Amino acid sequence: MSAHGPACCPTGLRQTLDRPTADRLAELIKAAADPARLQLLSIIGSQEEACVCDLQAEIGLAQPTISYHLKKLTQSGLLIREQRGTWAWYRVDAERMSELAAVFELPVRV
């Protein structure tokens, strides 16, 4: 089990959620529910990892604003931060992203 919950098989909304699971999933959704954060997740995810020094040109926001959003994504567990010298490098946490993705994998009922 990870620090953020079960390590295996996220079920999203395909099963009834208990309150702790609903709280955990809501925090993930809140962390990602911002256009800049979605952009950051897509940039970092498409590159496997990214240096904070390269993100400003790609996203078009000021460095302090990018740092704020990266901090929120890291605190939620969606990003993993690694310090390399003076620069911070980020990569997507696949386990947490699969939990987030599972929320939106709903069976369609007619």
Protein backbone atom coordinates (compact mmCIF):
# COMPACT_ATOMS: atom_id res chain seq x y z
CA MET A 1 0.00 0.00 0.00
CA SER A 2 1.33 3.45 -0.91
CA ALA A 3 1.22 6.51 1.32
CA HIS A 4 -1.75 7.72 -0.72
CA GLY A 5 -3.87 4.57 -0.62
CA PRO A 6 -4.10 1.21 -2.35
CA ALA A 7 -1.27 0.53 -4.76
CA CYS A 8 -3.29 -1.69 -7.04
CA CYS A 9 -6.26 -1.63 -9.31
CA PRO A 10 -8.03 1.72 -8.90
CA THR A 11 -11.74 1.28 -9.52
CA GLY A 12 -12.78 4.92 -9.80
CA LEU A 13 -16.58 5.13 -9.81
CA ARG A 14 -17.25 1.58 -10.99
CA GLN A 15 -17.74 0.54 -7.38
CA THR A 16 -19.29 2.27 -4.39
CA LEU A 17 -16.69 4.46 -2.72
CA ASP A 18 -16.09 4.68 1.00
CA ARG A 19 -15.50 8.18 2.37
CA PRO A 20 -11.68 7.98 2.65
CA THR A 21 -11.42 6.83 -0.97
CA ALA A 22 -13.81 9.55 -2.13
CA ASP A 23 -11.77 12.14 -0.23
CA ARG A 24 -8.52 10.89 -1.78
CA LEU A 25 -9.96 10.93 -5.31
CA ALA A 26 -11.48 14.37 -4.80
CA GLU A 27 -8.06 15.72 -3.83
CA LEU A 28 -6.58 14.34 -7.05
CA ILE A 29 -9.34 15.91 -9.11
CA LYS A 30 -8.92 19.27 -7.32
CA ALA A 31 -5.16 19.19 -7.91
CA ALA A 32 -5.58 18.57 -11.63
CA ALA A 33 -8.60 20.85 -12.13
CA ASP A 34 -6.71 23.88 -13.36
CA PRO A 35 -5.75 24.68 -16.97
CA ALA A 36 -2.10 25.40 -16.10
CA ARG A 37 -1.82 22.17 -14.10
CA LEU A 38 -3.37 20.14 -16.90
CA GLN A 39 -0.86 21.71 -19.29
CA LEU A 40 2.01 20.88 -16.95
CA LEU A 41 0.83 17.28 -16.57
CA SER A 42 0.57 16.90 -20.34
CA ILE A 43 4.00 18.43 -21.00
CA ILE A 44 5.76 16.43 -18.32
CA GLY A 45 3.88 13.22 -19.15
CA SER A 46 4.68 13.48 -22.85
CA GLN A 47 8.40 13.93 -22.13
CA GLU A 48 8.64 11.35 -19.32
CA GLU A 49 10.34 14.04 -17.21
CA ALA A 50 10.99 17.75 -17.45
CA CYS A 51 13.22 20.30 -15.81
CA VAL A 52 11.50 23.24 -14.21
CA CYS A 53 13.93 25.43 -16.18
CA ASP A 54 12.31 24.34 -19.47
CA LEU A 55 8.66 24.71 -18.49
CA GLN A 56 8.36 28.49 -18.51
CA ALA A 57 8.88 28.78 -22.27
CA GLU A 58 6.42 25.97 -22.98
CA ILE A 59 3.59 27.09 -20.73
CA GLY A 60 3.97 30.89 -20.96
CA LEU A 61 3.55 31.67 -17.27
CA ALA A 62 5.91 33.37 -14.83
CA GLN A 63 8.34 31.16 -12.94
CA PRO A 64 6.70 31.74 -9.50
CA THR A 65 3.30 30.76 -10.93
CA ILE A 66 4.71 27.59 -12.47
CA SER A 67 6.44 26.72 -9.19
CA TYR A 68 3.16 27.17 -7.32
CA HIS A 69 1.33 24.79 -9.68
CA LEU A 70 4.16 22.25 -9.61
CA LYS A 71 4.08 22.33 -5.80
CA LYS A 72 0.33 21.62 -5.78
CA LEU A 73 0.75 18.72 -8.23
CA THR A 74 3.65 17.32 -6.21
CA GLN A 75 1.76 17.61 -2.91
CA SER A 76 -1.15 15.69 -4.43
CA GLY A 77 1.20 12.93 -5.53
CA LEU A 78 0.53 13.40 -9.25
CA LEU A 79 4.13 14.51 -9.82
CA ILE A 80 7.40 13.26 -8.39
CA ARG A 81 10.09 15.89 -7.82
CA GLU A 82 13.81 15.18 -7.94
CA GLN A 83 16.44 17.79 -7.16
CA ARG A 84 19.48 17.63 -9.49
CA GLY A 85 21.97 20.29 -8.56
CA THR A 86 20.21 23.64 -8.71
CA TRP A 87 17.32 22.40 -10.87
CA ALA A 88 14.21 20.45 -9.99
CA TRP A 89 13.07 17.71 -12.37
CA TYR A 90 9.53 16.37 -12.45
CA ARG A 91 7.92 13.18 -13.67
CA VAL A 92 4.36 11.92 -13.54
CA ASP A 93 3.55 9.34 -10.86
CA ALA A 94 1.90 6.62 -12.96
CA GLU A 95 0.10 5.02 -10.01
CA ARG A 96 -1.57 8.26 -8.95
CA MET A 97 -2.42 9.17 -12.56
CA SER A 98 -4.09 5.78 -13.00
CA GLU A 99 -6.21 6.50 -9.91
CA LEU A 100 -7.24 9.81 -11.45
CA ALA A 101 -7.92 8.23 -14.85
CA ALA A 102 -10.05 5.50 -13.28
CA VAL A 103 -12.47 8.11 -11.94
CA PHE A 104 -13.40 9.01 -15.49
CA GLU A 105 -13.65 5.46 -16.84
CA LEU A 106 -17.37 5.08 -16.29
CA PRO A 107 -19.46 2.32 -17.79
CA VAL A 108 -22.07 3.71 -20.15
CA ARG A 109 -25.58 2.60 -19.32
CA VAL A 110 -28.45 3.14 -21.66
